[in-house]
Amino acid sequence: MCQLLISRYESRLRDFWYEAQKKAKKTARDRGLQGWNDVVVWRDFKPIYILEDIWPHYLEHVMSERFTRRSQSGAGNRNQPIHGSMTTHTGGSVPFAAHAKRMVRLI
């Protein structure tokens, strides 16, 4: 039970930081900055709900070699074809049964 709670909170914390990063990137993009996806560009757009002394530590973590390595590894894993198709969800709002029939016809 305790491990389940820890896992849940770790996931929620990860989601919190992901959303904070997404907001900073969106602000940089909305201001028309080139390279808005780069940490160097969006680091100046701290969300208002994050304390001033916490944000630099998060940026340091995001720019670390370990984070970059793990991020690139995860991106590569997500882009690997499995059973002949990409692992991303591309079915849209098509019902699963209809999508399955369409896939059988394509094979």
C-alpha atoms as a PDB file:
ATOM      1  CA  MET A   1       0.000   0.000   0.000  1.00  0.00           C
ATOM      2  CA  CYS A   2       2.775   2.437   0.931  1.00  0.00           C
ATOM      3  CA  GLN A   3       4.668   1.742  -2.319  1.00  0.00           C
ATOM      4  CA  LEU A   4       1.469   2.394  -4.271  1.00  0.00           C
ATOM      5  CA  LEU A   5       1.064   5.806  -2.616  1.00  0.00           C
ATOM      6  CA  ILE A   6       4.702   6.708  -3.260  1.00  0.00           C
ATOM      7  CA  SER A   7       4.339   5.738  -6.902  1.00  0.00           C
ATOM      8  CA  ARG A   8       1.156   7.797  -7.218  1.00  0.00           C
ATOM      9  CA  TYR A   9       2.739  10.887  -5.648  1.00  0.00           C
ATOM     10  CA  GLU A  10       5.866  10.568  -7.786  1.00  0.00           C
ATOM     11  CA  SER A  11       3.668  10.456 -10.860  1.00  0.00           C
ATOM     12  CA  ARG A  12       1.679  13.503  -9.747  1.00  0.00           C
ATOM     13  CA  LEU A  13       4.883  15.444  -9.018  1.00  0.00           C
ATOM     14  CA  ARG A  14       6.223  14.542 -12.450  1.00  0.00           C
ATOM     15  CA  ASP A  15       2.956  15.773 -13.975  1.00  0.00           C
ATOM     16  CA  PHE A  16       3.206  19.011 -11.965  1.00  0.00           C
ATOM     17  CA  TRP A  17       6.679  19.797 -13.321  1.00  0.00           C
ATOM     18  CA  TYR A  18       5.682  18.767 -16.835  1.00  0.00           C
ATOM     19  CA  GLU A  19       2.778  21.232 -16.745  1.00  0.00           C
ATOM     20  CA  ALA A  20       5.045  23.988 -15.374  1.00  0.00           C
ATOM     21  CA  GLN A  21       7.515  23.385 -18.187  1.00  0.00           C
ATOM     22  CA  LYS A  22       4.694  23.343 -20.731  1.00  0.00           C
ATOM     23  CA  LYS A  23       3.412  26.724 -19.468  1.00  0.00           C
ATOM     24  CA  ALA A  24       6.884  28.261 -19.698  1.00  0.00           C
ATOM     25  CA  LYS A  25       7.319  26.954 -23.255  1.00  0.00           C
ATOM     26  CA  LYS A  26       3.880  28.240 -24.269  1.00  0.00           C
ATOM     27  CA  THR A  27       4.661  31.706 -22.902  1.00  0.00           C
ATOM     28  CA  ALA A  28       7.945  31.788 -24.825  1.00  0.00           C
ATOM     29  CA  ARG A  29       6.216  30.593 -28.011  1.00  0.00           C
ATOM     30  CA  ASP A  30       3.366  33.117 -27.608  1.00  0.00           C
ATOM     31  CA  ARG A  31       5.928  35.911 -27.374  1.00  0.00           C
ATOM     32  CA  GLY A  32       7.337  34.808 -30.719  1.00  0.00           C
ATOM     33  CA  LEU A  33      10.727  33.676 -29.461  1.00  0.00           C
ATOM     34  CA  GLN A  34      12.751  31.463 -31.746  1.00  0.00           C
ATOM     35  CA  GLY A  35      13.833  28.145 -30.249  1.00  0.00           C
ATOM     36  CA  TRP A  36      11.055  28.293 -27.625  1.00  0.00           C
ATOM     37  CA  ASN A  37      11.479  24.556 -26.987  1.00  0.00           C
ATOM     38  CA  ASP A  38      15.050  25.096 -25.743  1.00  0.00           C
ATOM     39  CA  VAL A  39      15.569  25.452 -21.968  1.00  0.00           C
ATOM     40  CA  VAL A  40      17.781  28.498 -22.473  1.00  0.00           C
ATOM     41  CA  VAL A  41      14.843  30.332 -24.084  1.00  0.00           C
ATOM     42  CA  TRP A  42      11.961  29.335 -21.796  1.00  0.00           C
ATOM     43  CA  ARG A  43      13.804  29.422 -18.473  1.00  0.00           C
ATOM     44  CA  ASP A  44      12.920  33.095 -17.977  1.00  0.00           C
ATOM     45  CA  PHE A  45       9.171  32.354 -18.033  1.00  0.00           C
ATOM     46  CA  LYS A  46       8.645  30.838 -14.594  1.00  0.00           C
ATOM     47  CA  PRO A  47       4.991  30.061 -13.799  1.00  0.00           C
ATOM     48  CA  ILE A  48       3.705  32.314 -10.996  1.00  0.00           C
ATOM     49  CA  TYR A  49       2.873  29.407  -8.674  1.00  0.00           C
ATOM     50  CA  ILE A  50       6.500  28.243  -8.425  1.00  0.00           C
ATOM     51  CA  LEU A  51       8.748  29.941  -5.887  1.00  0.00           C
ATOM     52  CA  GLU A  52      11.718  31.978  -7.092  1.00  0.00           C
ATOM     53  CA  ASP A  53      14.259  29.826  -5.250  1.00  0.00           C
ATOM     54  CA  ILE A  54      12.813  26.512  -6.565  1.00  0.00           C
ATOM     55  CA  TRP A  55      12.766  27.303 -10.308  1.00  0.00           C
ATOM     56  CA  PRO A  56      16.589  27.486 -10.759  1.00  0.00           C
ATOM     57  CA  HIS A  57      16.948  24.054  -9.131  1.00  0.00           C
ATOM     58  CA  TYR A  58      14.389  22.595 -11.518  1.00  0.00           C
ATOM     59  CA  LEU A  59      16.163  24.159 -14.507  1.00  0.00           C
ATOM     60  CA  GLU A  60      19.475  22.751 -13.269  1.00  0.00           C
ATOM     61  CA  HIS A  61      17.857  19.311 -13.122  1.00  0.00           C
ATOM     62  CA  VAL A  62      16.358  19.655 -16.631  1.00  0.00           C
ATOM     63  CA  MET A  63      19.710  20.719 -18.083  1.00  0.00           C
ATOM     64  CA  SER A  64      21.641  17.924 -16.372  1.00  0.00           C
ATOM     65  CA  GLU A  65      23.303  15.213 -18.422  1.00  0.00           C
ATOM     66  CA  ARG A  66      21.301  12.482 -16.671  1.00  0.00           C
ATOM     67  CA  PHE A  67      17.946  14.134 -17.469  1.00  0.00           C
ATOM     68  CA  THR A  68      18.926  14.750 -21.090  1.00  0.00           C
ATOM     69  CA  ARG A  69      20.120  11.162 -21.521  1.00  0.00           C
ATOM     70  CA  ARG A  70      16.940   9.708 -20.000  1.00  0.00           C
ATOM     71  CA  SER A  71      14.727  12.084 -21.980  1.00  0.00           C
ATOM     72  CA  GLN A  72      16.376  11.154 -25.273  1.00  0.00           C
ATOM     73  CA  SER A  73      16.193   7.466 -24.396  1.00  0.00           C
ATOM     74  CA  GLY A  74      12.473   7.733 -23.629  1.00  0.00           C
ATOM     75  CA  ALA A  75      11.795   9.667 -26.835  1.00  0.00           C
ATOM     76  CA  GLY A  76      13.661   7.022 -28.820  1.00  0.00           C
ATOM     77  CA  ASN A  77      11.703   4.240 -27.151  1.00  0.00           C
ATOM     78  CA  ARG A  78       8.398   5.942 -27.929  1.00  0.00           C
ATOM     79  CA  ASN A  79       9.357   6.262 -31.603  1.00  0.00           C
ATOM     80  CA  GLN A  80      10.245   2.581 -32.044  1.00  0.00           C
ATOM     81  CA  PRO A  81       7.974   0.601 -34.353  1.00  0.00           C
ATOM     82  CA  ILE A  82       6.417  -2.391 -32.608  1.00  0.00           C
ATOM     83  CA  HIS A  83       4.727  -5.063 -34.724  1.00  0.00           C
ATOM     84  CA  GLY A  84       5.096  -2.886 -37.804  1.00  0.00           C
ATOM     85  CA  SER A  85       3.515   0.302 -36.462  1.00  0.00           C
ATOM     86  CA  MET A  86       4.534   3.218 -34.299  1.00  0.00           C
ATOM     87  CA  THR A  87       3.700   3.007 -30.615  1.00  0.00           C
ATOM     88  CA  THR A  88       1.790   6.288 -30.529  1.00  0.00           C
ATOM     89  CA  HIS A  89      -1.994   6.345 -30.513  1.00  0.00           C
ATOM     90  CA  THR A  90      -3.219   7.222 -33.986  1.00  0.00           C
ATOM     91  CA  GLY A  91      -6.732   5.796 -33.957  1.00  0.00           C
ATOM     92  CA  GLY A  92      -8.446   9.086 -33.164  1.00  0.00           C
ATOM     93  CA  SER A  93     -12.127   8.841 -32.331  1.00  0.00           C
ATOM     94  CA  VAL A  94     -12.657   5.734 -34.448  1.00  0.00           C
ATOM     95  CA  PRO A  95     -14.141   2.876 -32.390  1.00  0.00           C
ATOM     96  CA  PHE A  96     -11.596   0.193 -31.623  1.00  0.00           C
ATOM     97  CA  ALA A  97     -13.529  -2.492 -33.547  1.00  0.00           C
ATOM     98  CA  ALA A  98     -13.668  -0.344 -36.698  1.00  0.00           C
ATOM     99  CA  HIS A  99      -9.992   0.497 -36.385  1.00  0.00           C
ATOM    100  CA  ALA A 100      -9.119  -3.200 -35.942  1.00  0.00           C
ATOM    101  CA  LYS A 101     -11.076  -4.124 -39.108  1.00  0.00           C
ATOM    102  CA  ARG A 102      -9.296  -1.384 -41.050  1.00  0.00           C
ATOM    103  CA  MET A 103      -5.910  -2.633 -39.830  1.00  0.00           C
ATOM    104  CA  VAL A 104      -6.755  -6.228 -40.910  1.00  0.00           C
ATOM    105  CA  ARG A 105      -7.598  -4.955 -44.406  1.00  0.00           C
ATOM    106  CA  LEU A 106      -4.285  -3.080 -44.611  1.00  0.00           C
ATOM    107  CA  ILE A 107      -2.290  -6.151 -43.648  1.00  0.00           C
END
